[in-house]
Amino acid sequence: MKEQSDPDHFYQILAADSVRQISTYTPLDGRLILDVGGGPGYFADSFRAAGARYLGIDPDVGELSARGEPAAGMVRASGTELPVQTGSVDVCYSSNVLEHVADPAAMLAEMVRVTKPGGTIFASFTPWFSPWGGHETAPWHFLGGHYARRRFVRRNGREPKNRFGESLFAFTVGAAMRWARDCAHAELVRALPRYHPWWATWIVHVPGVREFASWNLVLVLRKRQGTN
């Protein structure tokens, strides 16, 4: 993982992959896309190159200014209280953010709310019980998030960037899929393990196995017609 050691390289690859994946579900040219948790704007260039109009939101000043001045189109705000009009964006996107939110269901509900009827919601995250669920404290998160955090501090003399209970939470594949299936305002189009080959999609439908084997879960939803 080069997220912290070489973020430019890591996020450029992730942004290009995001554009490719979303484009299989909806055209991007001319569409307004809201990126929830967009950080310093790593994804802006890739989405704009695909013809999309881009708006990014992130609550963390440090993330917004990680590359200097906040990128054009970036706004500081909370993912669980989006300052965006209901039914106003064509695509609502979030990558690797839900595990950093204390109430991921609230963020998903907000993403659905701001999307136009017929629009697409694309959210991916790292499940807690996946090998990388503890982020830089992995694999010790399997013994508990608080234990993994304390161990990291003892060994490194500092807190991890992703602090369990503050900026990292235990969100599971099962919880995410139950939320998606029960959502009254959107239908679940597809759930898949993001970095697996196409033939491994079945993993997300096997309780227990999916928590360890998915690595990163993608939920693709479509906002129902006639809903706000």
Protein backbone atom coordinates (compact mmCIF):
# COMPACT_ATOMS: atom_id res chain seq x y z
CA MET A 1 0.00 0.00 0.00
CA LYS A 2 1.39 3.40 -1.05
CA GLU A 3 -1.48 5.55 0.18
CA GLN A 4 0.67 7.33 2.77
CA SER A 5 4.16 6.97 1.27
CA ASP A 6 3.24 7.99 -2.30
CA PRO A 7 -0.31 9.40 -2.29
CA ASP A 8 -0.06 11.03 -5.73
CA HIS A 9 0.73 7.72 -7.43
CA PHE A 10 -1.78 5.76 -5.32
CA TYR A 11 -4.73 8.10 -5.87
CA GLN A 12 -4.04 8.69 -9.57
CA ILE A 13 -4.36 4.95 -10.18
CA LEU A 14 -7.44 4.76 -7.96
CA ALA A 15 -9.06 7.71 -9.72
CA ALA A 16 -8.52 6.21 -13.17
CA ASP A 17 -9.97 2.90 -11.94
CA SER A 18 -12.96 4.73 -10.46
CA VAL A 19 -13.77 6.46 -13.74
CA ARG A 20 -13.51 3.15 -15.58
CA GLN A 21 -15.79 1.34 -13.15
CA ILE A 22 -18.45 4.04 -12.86
CA SER A 23 -18.56 4.39 -16.65
CA THR A 24 -19.83 0.82 -16.90
CA TYR A 25 -23.01 1.86 -15.05
CA THR A 26 -23.63 5.41 -16.27
CA PRO A 27 -22.17 7.87 -18.78
CA LEU A 28 -20.07 10.62 -17.22
CA ASP A 29 -19.86 13.14 -20.04
CA GLY A 30 -21.80 16.25 -19.05
CA ARG A 31 -22.95 14.73 -15.75
CA LEU A 32 -22.57 16.39 -12.36
CA ILE A 33 -20.65 14.14 -9.98
CA LEU A 34 -20.36 14.67 -6.24
CA ASP A 35 -17.29 13.08 -4.65
CA VAL A 36 -17.88 12.59 -0.92
CA GLY A 37 -14.53 12.53 0.85
CA GLY A 38 -12.60 13.86 -2.11
CA GLY A 39 -9.65 15.07 -0.03
CA PRO A 40 -7.23 17.31 -1.91
CA GLY A 41 -8.94 16.66 -5.23
CA TYR A 42 -7.03 13.65 -6.53
CA PHE A 43 -10.09 12.46 -8.43
CA ALA A 44 -11.07 15.80 -9.95
CA ASP A 45 -8.74 15.61 -12.95
CA SER A 46 -9.80 12.08 -13.91
CA PHE A 47 -13.52 12.80 -13.69
CA ARG A 48 -13.19 16.07 -15.58
CA ALA A 49 -11.11 14.34 -18.26
CA ALA A 50 -14.09 12.00 -18.72
CA GLY A 51 -16.31 15.03 -19.33
CA ALA A 52 -17.95 15.18 -15.90
CA ARG A 53 -18.63 18.31 -13.89
CA TYR A 54 -16.96 17.74 -10.53
CA LEU A 55 -17.80 18.80 -6.97
CA GLY A 56 -15.85 17.37 -4.04
CA ILE A 57 -16.59 17.47 -0.32
CA ASP A 58 -14.34 16.67 2.64
CA PRO A 59 -14.65 17.64 6.33
CA ASP A 60 -10.92 17.60 7.08
CA VAL A 61 -8.91 20.78 6.48
CA GLY A 62 -5.70 18.76 6.51
CA GLU A 63 -6.98 16.48 3.75
CA LEU A 64 -8.28 19.37 1.66
CA SER A 65 -4.93 21.16 1.81
CA ALA A 66 -2.69 18.08 1.57
CA ARG A 67 -1.28 19.30 -1.74
CA GLY A 68 -1.33 23.00 -0.89
CA GLU A 69 -4.38 25.12 -1.60
CA PRO A 70 -7.67 23.17 -1.85
CA ALA A 71 -8.38 22.09 -5.41
CA ALA A 72 -11.00 23.89 -7.48
CA GLY A 73 -14.45 22.53 -6.78
CA MET A 74 -13.61 21.26 -3.28
CA VAL A 75 -15.81 22.25 -0.32
CA ARG A 76 -15.35 21.61 3.39
CA ALA A 77 -18.41 19.82 4.77
CA SER A 78 -19.54 16.62 6.50
CA GLY A 79 -20.46 13.51 4.56
CA THR A 80 -23.31 12.85 6.97
CA GLU A 81 -24.79 16.33 6.42
CA LEU A 82 -24.15 17.16 2.79
CA PRO A 83 -24.75 20.85 1.95
CA VAL A 84 -26.27 19.84 -1.37
CA GLN A 85 -29.84 20.16 -2.58
CA THR A 86 -31.96 17.01 -2.64
CA GLY A 87 -31.99 15.32 -6.05
CA SER A 88 -29.40 17.62 -7.61
CA VAL A 89 -26.46 15.43 -8.74
CA ASP A 90 -26.32 12.77 -11.44
CA VAL A 91 -23.70 10.61 -9.73
CA CYS A 92 -22.73 10.48 -6.06
CA TYR A 93 -19.39 8.80 -5.51
CA SER A 94 -17.30 7.86 -2.48
CA SER A 95 -14.11 5.82 -2.30
CA ASN A 96 -12.63 4.44 0.92
CA VAL A 97 -14.50 6.84 3.20
CA LEU A 98 -17.31 4.89 4.88
CA GLU A 99 -14.92 3.11 7.27
CA HIS A 100 -13.81 6.53 8.50
CA VAL A 101 -17.33 7.68 9.42
CA ALA A 102 -18.90 6.97 12.80
CA ASP A 103 -22.33 6.59 11.17
CA PRO A 104 -21.78 5.15 7.67
CA ALA A 105 -25.51 4.50 7.21
CA ALA A 106 -26.19 8.21 7.62
CA MET A 107 -23.60 9.04 4.97
CA LEU A 108 -25.06 6.50 2.54
CA ALA A 109 -28.54 7.93 3.13
CA GLU A 110 -27.24 11.42 2.38
CA MET A 111 -25.60 10.19 -0.83
CA VAL A 112 -28.93 8.76 -1.94
CA ARG A 113 -30.80 11.93 -0.94
CA VAL A 114 -28.70 14.31 -3.07
CA THR A 115 -28.81 12.07 -6.17
CA LYS A 116 -31.40 12.68 -8.88
CA PRO A 117 -34.07 10.02 -9.45
CA GLY A 118 -32.54 7.54 -11.88
CA GLY A 119 -29.03 8.66 -10.85
CA THR A 120 -26.20 6.44 -9.68
CA ILE A 121 -24.63 6.04 -6.26
CA PHE A 122 -21.22 4.37 -6.18
CA ALA A 123 -19.62 3.74 -2.78
CA SER A 124 -16.63 1.59 -1.91
CA PHE A 125 -14.90 0.96 1.40
CA THR A 126 -12.48 -1.34 3.18
CA PRO A 127 -14.41 -3.84 5.36
CA TRP A 128 -13.22 -4.12 8.94
CA PHE A 129 -12.40 -7.83 8.85
CA SER A 130 -10.49 -7.68 5.56
CA PRO A 131 -6.68 -8.01 5.71
CA TRP A 132 -6.33 -4.23 5.44
CA GLY A 133 -9.30 -3.39 7.66
CA GLY A 134 -7.08 -1.86 10.35
CA HIS A 135 -5.20 0.17 7.75
CA GLU A 136 -1.69 0.83 9.06
CA THR A 137 -2.48 -1.05 12.30
CA ALA A 138 -3.28 -4.27 10.38
CA PRO A 139 -3.22 -7.20 10.96
CA TRP A 140 -3.48 -6.50 14.69
CA HIS A 141 -7.01 -5.13 14.25
CA PHE A 142 -8.13 -8.79 14.26
CA LEU A 143 -7.39 -8.69 17.99
CA GLY A 144 -9.46 -5.52 18.39
CA GLY A 145 -9.27 -2.00 17.08
CA HIS A 146 -8.30 -0.43 20.39
CA TYR A 147 -5.56 -3.01 20.96
CA ALA A 148 -4.17 -2.42 17.46
CA ARG A 149 -4.13 1.33 18.03
CA ARG A 150 -2.32 1.02 21.39
CA ARG A 151 0.22 -1.38 19.88
CA PHE A 152 0.94 1.04 17.06
CA VAL A 153 1.56 3.87 19.54
CA ARG A 154 3.91 1.71 21.64
CA ARG A 155 5.95 0.68 18.62
CA ASN A 156 6.02 4.01 16.78
CA GLY A 157 5.76 6.63 19.49
CA ARG A 158 2.85 8.33 17.75
CA GLU A 159 -0.79 7.79 16.89
CA PRO A 160 -1.67 6.15 13.56
CA LYS A 161 -3.24 8.37 10.92
CA ASN A 162 -6.37 6.20 11.14
CA ARG A 163 -7.29 6.16 14.83
CA PHE A 164 -9.81 3.47 15.77
CA GLY A 165 -12.84 4.98 17.46
CA GLU A 166 -12.07 8.46 16.09
CA SER A 167 -11.24 8.29 12.39
CA LEU A 168 -11.55 4.55 11.77
CA PHE A 169 -14.57 2.37 12.54
CA ALA A 170 -15.63 -1.25 12.13
CA PHE A 171 -18.01 -1.29 9.15
CA THR A 172 -18.72 -4.73 7.71
CA VAL A 173 -19.81 -6.13 4.35
CA GLY A 174 -22.92 -7.64 5.92
CA ALA A 175 -24.01 -4.34 7.47
CA ALA A 176 -23.44 -2.46 4.22
CA MET A 177 -25.40 -4.93 2.12
CA ARG A 178 -28.29 -5.06 4.58
CA TRP A 179 -28.52 -1.30 4.46
CA ALA A 180 -28.48 -1.29 0.65
CA ARG A 181 -31.17 -3.97 0.35
CA ASP A 182 -33.40 -2.19 2.86
CA CYS A 183 -32.99 1.27 1.33
CA ALA A 184 -36.44 2.57 0.37
CA HIS A 185 -35.18 5.26 -2.00
CA ALA A 186 -32.66 3.30 -4.08
CA GLU A 187 -32.26 -0.17 -5.52
CA LEU A 188 -29.08 -2.17 -5.21
CA VAL A 189 -27.76 -2.66 -8.74
CA ARG A 190 -24.63 -4.57 -7.82
CA ALA A 191 -22.31 -5.45 -4.95
CA LEU A 192 -18.83 -6.67 -5.76
CA PRO A 193 -15.30 -7.02 -4.39
CA ARG A 194 -13.59 -4.07 -6.05
CA TYR A 195 -10.12 -5.48 -6.73
CA HIS A 196 -11.08 -9.07 -7.53
CA PRO A 197 -11.52 -10.59 -11.02
CA TRP A 198 -15.07 -10.74 -12.38
CA TRP A 199 -15.49 -14.42 -11.56
CA ALA A 200 -14.96 -13.78 -7.83
CA THR A 201 -18.06 -11.61 -7.40
CA TRP A 202 -19.80 -14.50 -5.62
CA ILE A 203 -17.64 -13.84 -2.56
CA VAL A 204 -19.81 -10.92 -1.41
CA HIS A 205 -22.86 -13.18 -1.22
CA VAL A 206 -21.37 -15.68 1.23
CA PRO A 207 -21.78 -14.54 4.85
CA GLY A 208 -18.59 -14.83 6.87
CA VAL A 209 -16.32 -15.51 3.92
CA ARG A 210 -17.11 -12.11 2.39
CA GLU A 211 -15.89 -10.27 5.48
CA PHE A 212 -12.35 -11.64 5.15
CA ALA A 213 -12.11 -12.15 1.39
CA SER A 214 -13.61 -9.00 -0.12
CA TRP A 215 -10.73 -6.58 0.66
CA ASN A 216 -12.82 -3.69 -0.67
CA LEU A 217 -16.58 -3.70 -1.20
CA VAL A 218 -18.37 -1.72 -3.92
CA LEU A 219 -22.06 -0.88 -3.71
CA VAL A 220 -23.74 0.43 -6.84
CA LEU A 221 -27.25 1.79 -6.32
CA ARG A 222 -29.77 3.59 -8.51
CA LYS A 223 -32.07 6.24 -7.06
CA ARG A 224 -35.68 5.21 -7.51
CA GLN A 225 -37.94 7.31 -9.70
CA GLY A 226 -40.52 9.35 -7.83
CA THR A 227 -38.46 9.62 -4.63
CA ASN A 228 -36.77 12.57 -2.96
